[in-house]
């Protein structure tokens, strides 16, 4: 059974940023025992995201493409969260908005 470890959702103007990490049983699909989704949405469309959807592994969504991401530990998932916050701020500023 999944248990939420971290959740945050912010919105400002046309942007929504949602961050969630679940603790899940260890498995081939979730070898770190964590499932996560970090997403930045603009006007209802995902412009940036990271997740490890079961069967798809760790990956990044950017400009309509899916790019594999190497993750080998729980710490790297939390580091990815921090990197996503920085990257999403840059994307928002480039697109003319921001979430403080």
C-alpha atoms as a PDB file:
ATOM      1  CA  UNK A   1       0.000   0.000   0.000  1.00  0.00           C
ATOM      2  CA  UNK A   2       1.308   3.456  -0.919  1.00  0.00           C
ATOM      3  CA  UNK A   3       1.867   6.134   1.719  1.00  0.00           C
ATOM      4  CA  UNK A   4       2.404   9.796   0.852  1.00  0.00           C
ATOM      5  CA  UNK A   5       5.799  11.006   2.117  1.00  0.00           C
ATOM      6  CA  UNK A   6       5.750  14.450   0.518  1.00  0.00           C
ATOM      7  CA  UNK A   7       3.094  16.521  -1.234  1.00  0.00           C
ATOM      8  CA  UNK A   8       3.021  20.119  -2.385  1.00  0.00           C
ATOM      9  CA  UNK A   9       0.892  21.922  -4.941  1.00  0.00           C
ATOM     10  CA  UNK A  10       1.221  25.557  -5.911  1.00  0.00           C
ATOM     11  CA  UNK A  11      -0.488  27.634  -8.537  1.00  0.00           C
ATOM     12  CA  UNK A  12      -0.043  31.139  -9.801  1.00  0.00           C
ATOM     13  CA  UNK A  13      -1.580  32.587 -12.897  1.00  0.00           C
ATOM     14  CA  UNK A  14      -1.542  29.975 -15.634  1.00  0.00           C
ATOM     15  CA  UNK A  15       1.013  27.723 -13.885  1.00  0.00           C
ATOM     16  CA  UNK A  16       0.482  24.769 -11.545  1.00  0.00           C
ATOM     17  CA  UNK A  17       3.366  22.874  -9.955  1.00  0.00           C
ATOM     18  CA  UNK A  18       2.642  19.593  -8.174  1.00  0.00           C
ATOM     19  CA  UNK A  19       5.158  17.444  -6.308  1.00  0.00           C
ATOM     20  CA  UNK A  20       4.389  14.069  -4.766  1.00  0.00           C
ATOM     21  CA  UNK A  21       6.454  11.188  -3.426  1.00  0.00           C
ATOM     22  CA  UNK A  22       4.878   7.947  -2.210  1.00  0.00           C
ATOM     23  CA  UNK A  23       6.510   5.168  -0.222  1.00  0.00           C
ATOM     24  CA  UNK A  24       5.624   1.861  -1.917  1.00  0.00           C
ATOM     25  CA  UNK A  25       6.703  -1.747  -1.425  1.00  0.00           C
ATOM     26  CA  UNK A  26      10.037  -2.646  -2.990  1.00  0.00           C
ATOM     27  CA  UNK A  27       9.524  -4.245  -6.405  1.00  0.00           C
ATOM     28  CA  UNK A  28      11.108  -4.498  -9.841  1.00  0.00           C
ATOM     29  CA  UNK A  29       9.071  -1.457 -10.855  1.00  0.00           C
ATOM     30  CA  UNK A  30      10.067   0.583  -7.785  1.00  0.00           C
ATOM     31  CA  UNK A  31      13.487  -0.699  -6.628  1.00  0.00           C
ATOM     32  CA  UNK A  32      14.006   2.314  -4.309  1.00  0.00           C
ATOM     33  CA  UNK A  33      10.623   1.781  -2.630  1.00  0.00           C
ATOM     34  CA  UNK A  34       9.462   5.213  -3.821  1.00  0.00           C
ATOM     35  CA  UNK A  35       7.068   6.348  -6.512  1.00  0.00           C
ATOM     36  CA  UNK A  36       7.163  10.019  -7.517  1.00  0.00           C
ATOM     37  CA  UNK A  37       5.685  12.617  -9.830  1.00  0.00           C
ATOM     38  CA  UNK A  38       6.945  16.174 -10.206  1.00  0.00           C
ATOM     39  CA  UNK A  39       5.035  18.196 -12.794  1.00  0.00           C
ATOM     40  CA  UNK A  40       4.778  21.760 -14.072  1.00  0.00           C
ATOM     41  CA  UNK A  41       1.589  22.557 -15.957  1.00  0.00           C
ATOM     42  CA  UNK A  42       0.929  25.666 -18.044  1.00  0.00           C
ATOM     43  CA  UNK A  43      -2.542  26.357 -19.440  1.00  0.00           C
ATOM     44  CA  UNK A  44      -3.565  22.770 -18.671  1.00  0.00           C
ATOM     45  CA  UNK A  45      -0.616  21.159 -20.471  1.00  0.00           C
ATOM     46  CA  UNK A  46       2.472  19.542 -18.949  1.00  0.00           C
ATOM     47  CA  UNK A  47       5.571  21.520 -19.906  1.00  0.00           C
ATOM     48  CA  UNK A  48       8.000  19.727 -17.589  1.00  0.00           C
ATOM     49  CA  UNK A  49       7.783  16.592 -15.508  1.00  0.00           C
ATOM     50  CA  UNK A  50       9.639  13.742 -13.860  1.00  0.00           C
ATOM     51  CA  UNK A  51       8.111  10.452 -12.788  1.00  0.00           C
ATOM     52  CA  UNK A  52       8.648   6.726 -12.475  1.00  0.00           C
ATOM     53  CA  UNK A  53       5.311   5.357 -13.649  1.00  0.00           C
ATOM     54  CA  UNK A  54       5.210   1.575 -13.202  1.00  0.00           C
ATOM     55  CA  UNK A  55       6.638  -0.169 -16.240  1.00  0.00           C
ATOM     56  CA  UNK A  56       8.246   2.985 -17.653  1.00  0.00           C
ATOM     57  CA  UNK A  57      11.108   3.551 -15.206  1.00  0.00           C
ATOM     58  CA  UNK A  58      12.541   6.932 -14.220  1.00  0.00           C
ATOM     59  CA  UNK A  59      12.072   9.541 -16.917  1.00  0.00           C
ATOM     60  CA  UNK A  60      11.696  13.214 -17.717  1.00  0.00           C
ATOM     61  CA  UNK A  61       8.996  14.840 -19.854  1.00  0.00           C
ATOM     62  CA  UNK A  62      10.034  17.993 -21.685  1.00  0.00           C
ATOM     63  CA  UNK A  63       8.650  19.563 -24.850  1.00  0.00           C
ATOM     64  CA  UNK A  64       6.670  16.464 -25.716  1.00  0.00           C
ATOM     65  CA  UNK A  65       9.589  14.061 -25.359  1.00  0.00           C
ATOM     66  CA  UNK A  66      10.291  11.383 -22.765  1.00  0.00           C
ATOM     67  CA  UNK A  67      13.937  11.066 -21.705  1.00  0.00           C
ATOM     68  CA  UNK A  68      15.270   8.265 -19.472  1.00  0.00           C
ATOM     69  CA  UNK A  69      16.823   9.355 -16.157  1.00  0.00           C
ATOM     70  CA  UNK A  70      19.217   7.209 -14.090  1.00  0.00           C
ATOM     71  CA  UNK A  71      18.175   6.878 -10.448  1.00  0.00           C
ATOM     72  CA  UNK A  72      19.824   4.336  -8.163  1.00  0.00           C
ATOM     73  CA  UNK A  73      18.910   5.454  -4.637  1.00  0.00           C
ATOM     74  CA  UNK A  74      16.246   7.185  -2.548  1.00  0.00           C
ATOM     75  CA  UNK A  75      18.617  10.109  -2.016  1.00  0.00           C
ATOM     76  CA  UNK A  76      18.805  10.645  -5.781  1.00  0.00           C
ATOM     77  CA  UNK A  77      15.011  10.943  -5.958  1.00  0.00           C
ATOM     78  CA  UNK A  78      15.051  13.679  -3.308  1.00  0.00           C
ATOM     79  CA  UNK A  79      17.968  15.365  -5.132  1.00  0.00           C
ATOM     80  CA  UNK A  80      15.873  15.207  -8.308  1.00  0.00           C
ATOM     81  CA  UNK A  81      13.064  16.994  -6.450  1.00  0.00           C
ATOM     82  CA  UNK A  82      15.422  19.865  -5.655  1.00  0.00           C
ATOM     83  CA  UNK A  83      16.708  19.975  -9.226  1.00  0.00           C
ATOM     84  CA  UNK A  84      13.121  19.989 -10.523  1.00  0.00           C
ATOM     85  CA  UNK A  85      12.281  23.024  -8.371  1.00  0.00           C
ATOM     86  CA  UNK A  86      15.212  24.942  -9.869  1.00  0.00           C
ATOM     87  CA  UNK A  87      14.469  23.780 -13.419  1.00  0.00           C
ATOM     88  CA  UNK A  88      10.745  24.542 -13.148  1.00  0.00           C
ATOM     89  CA  UNK A  89      11.484  28.096 -11.929  1.00  0.00           C
ATOM     90  CA  UNK A  90      13.714  28.629 -14.969  1.00  0.00           C
ATOM     91  CA  UNK A  91      11.048  27.294 -17.336  1.00  0.00           C
ATOM     92  CA  UNK A  92       8.382  29.516 -15.743  1.00  0.00           C
ATOM     93  CA  UNK A  93      10.569  32.601 -15.944  1.00  0.00           C
ATOM     94  CA  UNK A  94      11.347  31.827 -19.596  1.00  0.00           C
ATOM     95  CA  UNK A  95       7.605  31.526 -20.263  1.00  0.00           C
ATOM     96  CA  UNK A  96       6.842  34.774 -18.447  1.00  0.00           C
ATOM     97  CA  UNK A  97       5.641  33.671 -15.011  1.00  0.00           C
ATOM     98  CA  UNK A  98       6.778  32.338 -11.668  1.00  0.00           C
ATOM     99  CA  UNK A  99       5.682  30.667  -8.467  1.00  0.00           C
ATOM    100  CA  UNK A 100       7.359  32.180  -5.395  1.00  0.00           C
END
